[in-house]
């Protein structure tokens, strides 16, 4: 009763257990900042009750202070520490000492509760962020897929409909040219000019359709598409390209082929814009169940800050393209010696 009044006067909430068994039931129902345990109690003694409390996960670290009479010997005290007590106080208890010890344990308990709550909240926040990132990545993948489908449809319509219309127009103009009298030199010159304009427009239509979705990628596959793109890049930029295709025939699904091809296009664009290179080496191979594409130039070398800059959207886009397949993009550069990009995508992971 004296201990209860002492603790209540300090503002603490106190739970009374009449026996060792009662103490175990209390610990099962709720958590405590500290436990004052009498060594001798009806039924289970304090040592047995302490061991049982220590076996429970939630109460394994709860501070237990043994209280005993002044006649107890050192062996009893050692038994208390062995059972799991953190302190051993001999009656009569000095109120100020007990209040100080209990206040310390209560403060530690409150801080632990606050820390546990904060950790749980952070975990929930991290989980929300993780789910948000997953949703954004899924949306990005979906948008890329829709965009590729739309580009393919537009390229096909441009090639088929506009190309056919221009071919028909050329055929009609050929008929008109044949019907012109030979003395109509001005009209004949005009038809020749129109022929040149139609031919130029047909070439432009083919280029636009090819840029949207190269037919070689869908018709022949990734390796021929890489070789074709390298040749086109060499024609436009004057940078010499050496391509080493895979030794064996490479069969790749449409999604992976598109991702690798678009990354290759982005790498070539970056080389043309920033590298100041005169040569590009391209190699494709299958290594340990993964497709590996390596692109190396002899330019000025990418800067470390550029690779980690949030403004490098091209590099970010390349990495995002391979994430759905469990792939990765590694880029290294040496000043005035060039840049090396390595793209790897597992072939079996979906």
Protein backbone atom coordinates (compact mmCIF):
# COMPACT_ATOMS: atom_id res chain seq x y z
CA UNK A 1 0.00 0.00 0.00
CA UNK A 2 2.86 2.37 0.81
CA UNK A 3 4.56 1.66 -2.51
CA UNK A 4 1.30 2.14 -4.39
CA UNK A 5 0.65 5.50 -2.76
CA UNK A 6 4.24 6.55 -3.35
CA UNK A 7 4.04 5.78 -7.07
CA UNK A 8 0.56 7.21 -7.50
CA UNK A 9 1.67 10.45 -5.90
CA UNK A 10 4.37 10.70 -8.57
CA UNK A 11 1.75 10.52 -11.30
CA UNK A 12 2.40 6.95 -12.38
CA UNK A 13 -0.25 4.38 -13.28
CA UNK A 14 0.05 1.35 -11.02
CA UNK A 15 -1.23 -2.21 -11.49
CA UNK A 16 -1.25 -4.51 -8.44
CA UNK A 17 -0.63 -8.26 -8.73
CA UNK A 18 -1.44 -10.44 -5.72
CA UNK A 19 0.73 -13.41 -6.73
CA UNK A 20 3.26 -14.63 -9.26
CA UNK A 21 0.50 -16.13 -11.41
CA UNK A 22 -1.42 -12.87 -11.25
CA UNK A 23 1.72 -10.99 -12.34
CA UNK A 24 2.02 -13.21 -15.42
CA UNK A 25 -1.61 -12.57 -16.34
CA UNK A 26 -1.05 -8.81 -16.05
CA UNK A 27 2.01 -8.95 -18.31
CA UNK A 28 0.01 -10.87 -20.91
CA UNK A 29 -2.66 -8.17 -20.99
CA UNK A 30 -0.51 -5.04 -21.30
CA UNK A 31 3.01 -3.59 -21.44
CA UNK A 32 4.76 -1.98 -18.48
CA UNK A 33 7.50 0.62 -18.09
CA UNK A 34 8.88 -1.25 -15.07
CA UNK A 35 7.95 -4.12 -12.75
CA UNK A 36 8.52 -4.17 -8.97
CA UNK A 37 8.82 -7.86 -8.05
CA UNK A 38 8.77 -9.27 -4.53
CA UNK A 39 11.15 -12.18 -4.09
CA UNK A 40 8.72 -14.20 -1.96
CA UNK A 41 5.07 -14.42 -3.08
CA UNK A 42 2.22 -16.92 -2.81
CA UNK A 43 2.42 -19.59 -5.52
CA UNK A 44 5.15 -18.73 -7.98
CA UNK A 45 8.04 -16.95 -6.32
CA UNK A 46 9.58 -13.83 -7.83
CA UNK A 47 12.45 -15.69 -9.49
CA UNK A 48 10.18 -18.12 -11.35
CA UNK A 49 7.77 -15.35 -12.33
CA UNK A 50 10.68 -13.23 -13.67
CA UNK A 51 11.96 -16.09 -15.82
CA UNK A 52 8.48 -16.60 -17.25
CA UNK A 53 8.16 -12.87 -18.00
CA UNK A 54 11.53 -12.90 -19.75
CA UNK A 55 10.41 -15.76 -22.02
CA UNK A 56 7.66 -13.58 -23.50
CA UNK A 57 8.82 -11.53 -26.50
CA UNK A 58 7.02 -8.30 -25.60
CA UNK A 59 8.20 -8.29 -21.98
CA UNK A 60 11.71 -9.61 -22.58
CA UNK A 61 13.31 -6.20 -22.02
CA UNK A 62 10.93 -4.81 -19.41
CA UNK A 63 12.98 -3.65 -16.40
CA UNK A 64 12.31 -5.78 -13.30
CA UNK A 65 13.37 -4.51 -9.87
CA UNK A 66 13.43 -7.05 -7.05
CA UNK A 67 12.24 -6.00 -3.59
CA UNK A 68 13.17 -8.10 -0.59
CA UNK A 69 13.68 -7.95 3.15
CA UNK A 70 16.98 -6.92 4.75
CA UNK A 71 17.63 -10.44 5.94
CA UNK A 72 18.04 -11.80 2.40
CA UNK A 73 21.58 -12.99 1.66
CA UNK A 74 23.82 -12.46 -1.39
CA UNK A 75 22.86 -15.80 -2.96
CA UNK A 76 19.25 -14.60 -3.17
CA UNK A 77 20.39 -11.39 -4.77
CA UNK A 78 22.40 -13.31 -7.36
CA UNK A 79 19.37 -15.48 -8.10
CA UNK A 80 17.40 -12.33 -8.88
CA UNK A 81 20.00 -11.02 -11.31
CA UNK A 82 20.32 -14.45 -12.87
CA UNK A 83 16.55 -14.59 -13.41
CA UNK A 84 16.69 -11.30 -15.30
CA UNK A 85 16.35 -8.48 -12.76
CA UNK A 86 18.00 -5.14 -13.49
CA UNK A 87 18.15 -4.04 -9.85
CA UNK A 88 17.76 -5.40 -6.33
CA UNK A 89 16.42 -3.16 -3.55
CA UNK A 90 16.38 -4.10 0.12
CA UNK A 91 13.47 -3.06 2.34
CA UNK A 92 12.80 -0.65 3.83
CA UNK A 93 12.81 1.21 0.54
CA UNK A 94 14.11 4.76 0.39
CA UNK A 95 11.23 6.61 -1.36
CA UNK A 96 13.41 9.13 -3.18
CA UNK A 97 15.67 6.40 -4.57
CA UNK A 98 12.72 4.32 -5.77
CA UNK A 99 10.98 7.33 -7.31
CA UNK A 100 14.13 8.31 -9.15
CA UNK A 101 14.69 4.82 -10.55
CA UNK A 102 11.07 4.41 -11.60
CA UNK A 103 11.04 7.85 -13.25
CA UNK A 104 14.08 6.89 -15.31
CA UNK A 105 12.45 3.67 -16.52
CA UNK A 106 9.17 5.44 -17.27
CA UNK A 107 10.97 8.10 -19.28
CA UNK A 108 12.83 5.43 -21.23
CA UNK A 109 9.56 3.60 -21.84
CA UNK A 110 7.81 6.72 -23.10
CA UNK A 111 10.70 7.53 -25.42
CA UNK A 112 10.69 3.97 -26.70
CA UNK A 113 6.94 4.14 -27.35
CA UNK A 114 7.37 7.43 -29.22
CA UNK A 115 10.28 6.00 -31.20
CA UNK A 116 8.32 2.86 -32.05
CA UNK A 117 5.39 4.99 -33.20
CA UNK A 118 7.71 7.16 -35.31
CA UNK A 119 9.35 4.09 -36.87
CA UNK A 120 5.95 2.62 -37.69
CA UNK A 121 4.86 5.90 -39.25
CA UNK A 122 8.05 6.09 -41.30
CA UNK A 123 7.55 2.55 -42.47
CA UNK A 124 4.01 3.38 -43.53
CA UNK A 125 5.28 6.48 -45.31
CA UNK A 126 8.03 4.46 -47.02
CA UNK A 127 5.45 1.89 -48.05
CA UNK A 128 3.25 4.62 -49.52
CA UNK A 129 6.25 6.05 -51.37
CA UNK A 130 7.22 2.60 -52.62
CA UNK A 131 3.71 1.91 -53.88
CA UNK A 132 3.60 5.34 -55.46
CA UNK A 133 6.91 4.66 -57.23
CA UNK A 134 5.62 1.29 -58.41
CA UNK A 135 2.45 2.91 -59.74
CA UNK A 136 4.44 5.64 -61.49
CA UNK A 137 6.77 3.07 -63.06
CA UNK A 138 3.82 0.97 -64.16
CA UNK A 139 2.22 4.08 -65.63
CA UNK A 140 5.48 5.02 -67.38
CA UNK A 141 5.75 1.51 -68.86
CA UNK A 142 2.15 1.68 -69.99
CA UNK A 143 2.66 5.13 -71.53
CA UNK A 144 5.76 3.92 -73.38
CA UNK A 145 3.86 0.91 -74.66
CA UNK A 146 0.94 3.03 -75.80
CA UNK A 147 3.30 5.51 -77.43
CA UNK A 148 5.12 2.76 -79.32
CA UNK A 149 1.80 1.32 -80.47
CA UNK A 150 0.66 4.76 -81.59
CA UNK A 151 3.94 5.41 -83.42
CA UNK A 152 3.64 2.03 -85.13
CA UNK A 153 0.07 2.77 -86.21
CA UNK A 154 0.95 6.25 -87.48
CA UNK A 155 4.03 4.94 -89.32
CA UNK A 156 1.94 2.25 -90.98
CA UNK A 157 -0.78 4.69 -91.98
CA UNK A 158 1.75 7.21 -93.32
CA UNK A 159 3.57 4.51 -95.25
CA UNK A 160 0.46 2.82 -96.62
CA UNK A 161 -2.08 5.58 -97.13
CA UNK A 162 0.08 8.59 -97.87
CA UNK A 163 2.63 6.50 -99.74
CA UNK A 164 -0.07 4.92 -101.88
CA UNK A 165 -1.65 8.30 -102.54
CA UNK A 166 1.66 9.74 -103.70
CA UNK A 167 2.35 6.69 -105.87
CA UNK A 168 -1.09 7.06 -107.44
CA UNK A 169 -0.46 10.75 -108.00
CA UNK A 170 2.84 9.91 -109.69
CA UNK A 171 1.10 7.40 -111.96
CA UNK A 172 -1.54 9.97 -112.94
CA UNK A 173 1.15 12.55 -113.61
CA UNK A 174 2.95 10.01 -115.80
CA UNK A 175 -0.25 9.58 -117.81
CA UNK A 176 -0.62 13.37 -118.16
CA UNK A 177 3.02 13.73 -119.22
CA UNK A 178 2.55 11.14 -121.97
CA UNK A 179 -0.49 13.01 -123.30
CA UNK A 180 1.31 16.35 -123.58
CA UNK A 181 2.22 17.46 -127.07
CA UNK A 182 5.96 17.56 -127.74
CA UNK A 183 5.88 21.29 -128.41
CA UNK A 184 4.59 22.03 -124.86
CA UNK A 185 8.06 22.47 -123.41
CA UNK A 186 6.94 24.59 -120.45
CA UNK A 187 4.31 22.03 -119.43
CA UNK A 188 6.83 19.20 -119.86
CA UNK A 189 9.35 21.00 -117.64
CA UNK A 190 6.65 21.56 -115.06
CA UNK A 191 5.74 17.86 -115.01
CA UNK A 192 9.40 16.96 -114.49
CA UNK A 193 9.50 19.37 -111.55
CA UNK A 194 6.36 17.76 -110.17
CA UNK A 195 7.94 14.31 -110.58
CA UNK A 196 10.95 15.45 -108.55
CA UNK A 197 8.68 16.95 -105.88
CA UNK A 198 6.61 13.75 -105.63
CA UNK A 199 9.77 11.61 -105.42
CA UNK A 200 11.17 13.87 -102.71
CA UNK A 201 7.89 13.71 -100.80
CA UNK A 202 7.83 9.91 -101.03
CA UNK A 203 11.35 9.80 -99.59
CA UNK A 204 10.32 12.15 -96.78
CA UNK A 205 7.30 9.95 -96.01
CA UNK A 206 9.54 6.90 -95.80
CA UNK A 207 11.99 8.69 -93.51
CA UNK A 208 9.22 9.89 -91.20
CA UNK A 209 7.65 6.43 -91.05
CA UNK A 210 11.05 4.87 -90.40
CA UNK A 211 11.82 7.28 -87.57
CA UNK A 212 8.49 6.52 -85.94
CA UNK A 213 8.91 2.75 -86.20
CA UNK A 214 11.61 1.16 -88.38
CA UNK A 215 10.20 -1.73 -90.40
CA UNK A 216 13.46 -3.60 -90.09
CA UNK A 217 12.91 -3.91 -86.32
CA UNK A 218 9.59 -5.70 -86.77
CA UNK A 219 10.47 -7.58 -89.94
CA UNK A 220 14.04 -8.76 -89.27
CA UNK A 221 14.61 -8.31 -85.55
CA UNK A 222 16.82 -6.37 -83.18
CA UNK A 223 20.30 -7.23 -84.47
CA UNK A 224 19.62 -6.14 -88.10
CA UNK A 225 17.84 -3.04 -86.76
CA UNK A 226 20.91 -2.12 -84.72
CA UNK A 227 23.14 -2.53 -87.77
CA UNK A 228 20.76 -0.48 -89.93
CA UNK A 229 20.55 2.30 -87.35
CA UNK A 230 24.33 2.40 -87.02
CA UNK A 231 24.70 2.80 -90.80
CA UNK A 232 22.10 5.57 -90.87
CA UNK A 233 23.86 7.31 -87.98
CA UNK A 234 27.20 7.08 -89.79
CA UNK A 235 25.66 8.62 -92.93
CA UNK A 236 24.14 11.54 -91.03
CA UNK A 237 26.95 12.29 -88.58
CA UNK A 238 30.10 11.14 -90.37
CA UNK A 239 31.11 9.19 -87.24
CA UNK A 240 32.46 5.76 -88.18
CA UNK A 241 30.50 2.88 -86.63
CA UNK A 242 31.74 -0.69 -86.18
CA UNK A 243 29.06 -3.24 -85.31
CA UNK A 244 29.75 -6.71 -83.88
CA UNK A 245 26.45 -8.63 -84.05
CA UNK A 246 25.75 -11.68 -81.86
CA UNK A 247 27.35 -14.87 -83.12
CA UNK A 248 24.11 -16.84 -82.84
CA UNK A 249 20.66 -15.88 -84.05
CA UNK A 250 18.98 -13.71 -81.43
CA UNK A 251 15.26 -14.12 -80.83
CA UNK A 252 13.77 -11.44 -78.62
CA UNK A 253 10.20 -10.44 -77.80
CA UNK A 254 8.81 -7.17 -79.10
CA UNK A 255 8.94 -5.32 -75.75
CA UNK A 256 12.61 -6.07 -75.09
CA UNK A 257 13.58 -5.39 -78.70
CA UNK A 258 11.85 -2.02 -78.58
CA UNK A 259 13.46 -1.08 -75.25
CA UNK A 260 17.00 -1.95 -76.40
CA UNK A 261 16.53 -0.28 -79.79
CA UNK A 262 15.23 2.97 -78.26
CA UNK A 263 18.09 2.99 -75.76
CA UNK A 264 20.53 2.51 -78.65
CA UNK A 265 18.97 5.45 -80.48
CA UNK A 266 19.30 7.60 -77.36
CA UNK A 267 22.95 6.63 -76.94
CA UNK A 268 23.72 7.57 -80.53
CA UNK A 269 21.90 10.89 -80.08
CA UNK A 270 24.00 11.67 -76.99
CA UNK A 271 27.20 10.78 -78.87
CA UNK A 272 26.27 13.09 -81.74
CA UNK A 273 25.41 15.95 -79.37
CA UNK A 274 28.05 15.76 -76.67
CA UNK A 275 30.86 13.26 -77.33
CA UNK A 276 32.80 14.92 -80.17
CA UNK A 277 33.78 11.38 -81.21
CA UNK A 278 35.12 10.01 -84.51
CA UNK A 279 34.42 6.33 -83.89
CA UNK A 280 31.75 4.21 -82.20
CA UNK A 281 32.08 0.48 -81.47
CA UNK A 282 28.85 -1.47 -81.00
CA UNK A 283 28.77 -5.06 -79.73
CA UNK A 284 25.82 -7.37 -78.99
CA UNK A 285 26.00 -10.74 -77.30
CA UNK A 286 24.16 -13.09 -74.98
CA UNK A 287 25.93 -13.50 -71.65
CA UNK A 288 24.65 -15.61 -68.73
CA UNK A 289 21.06 -15.57 -69.94
CA UNK A 290 21.00 -11.84 -70.62
CA UNK A 291 21.22 -9.72 -73.75
CA UNK A 292 24.18 -7.36 -73.51
CA UNK A 293 24.58 -4.30 -75.72
CA UNK A 294 27.81 -2.32 -75.42
CA UNK A 295 28.33 1.05 -77.09
CA UNK A 296 31.75 2.69 -76.78
CA UNK A 297 33.00 5.92 -78.35
CA UNK A 298 36.38 7.63 -78.44
CA UNK A 299 35.07 11.07 -77.53
CA UNK A 300 35.74 13.40 -74.64
CA UNK A 301 34.19 11.11 -71.98
CA UNK A 302 31.05 11.70 -69.96
CA UNK A 303 31.44 13.63 -66.72
CA UNK A 304 30.56 11.95 -63.42
CA UNK A 305 28.24 14.82 -62.45
CA UNK A 306 26.32 14.45 -65.73
CA UNK A 307 25.55 10.80 -64.98
CA UNK A 308 24.01 11.62 -61.58
CA UNK A 309 22.37 14.90 -62.56
CA UNK A 310 18.53 14.97 -62.30
CA UNK A 311 18.57 17.00 -65.52
CA UNK A 312 19.97 14.04 -67.47
CA UNK A 313 16.53 12.89 -68.53
CA UNK A 314 17.92 10.80 -71.36
CA UNK A 315 19.98 8.66 -68.98
CA UNK A 316 17.05 8.41 -66.59
CA UNK A 317 14.76 7.34 -69.43
CA UNK A 318 17.19 4.61 -70.49
CA UNK A 319 17.33 3.19 -66.98
CA UNK A 320 13.55 3.32 -66.65
CA UNK A 321 13.13 1.40 -69.92
CA UNK A 322 15.03 -1.66 -68.66
CA UNK A 323 13.62 -1.74 -65.10
CA UNK A 324 10.43 -3.68 -66.01
CA UNK A 325 12.61 -6.50 -67.34
CA UNK A 326 15.06 -6.53 -64.42
CA UNK A 327 17.80 -5.01 -66.57
CA UNK A 328 20.30 -2.24 -65.97
CA UNK A 329 22.24 0.45 -67.79
CA UNK A 330 25.84 1.16 -66.75
CA UNK A 331 27.70 4.17 -68.16
CA UNK A 332 31.35 4.98 -67.48
CA UNK A 333 33.56 7.65 -68.95
CA UNK A 334 37.22 8.66 -68.93
CA UNK A 335 38.16 12.23 -69.72
CA UNK A 336 39.40 12.57 -73.32
CA UNK A 337 39.29 8.79 -73.76
CA UNK A 338 35.63 8.17 -74.42
CA UNK A 339 32.44 6.79 -72.89
CA UNK A 340 31.28 3.20 -72.53
CA UNK A 341 27.62 2.23 -72.08
CA UNK A 342 26.57 -1.29 -71.17
CA UNK A 343 22.91 -2.33 -71.40
CA UNK A 344 21.85 -5.75 -70.08
CA UNK A 345 18.38 -7.27 -70.08
CA UNK A 346 17.62 -10.80 -68.81
CA UNK A 347 16.05 -12.92 -71.52
CA UNK A 348 13.91 -15.10 -69.28
CA UNK A 349 12.52 -12.58 -66.74
CA UNK A 350 9.07 -11.19 -67.55
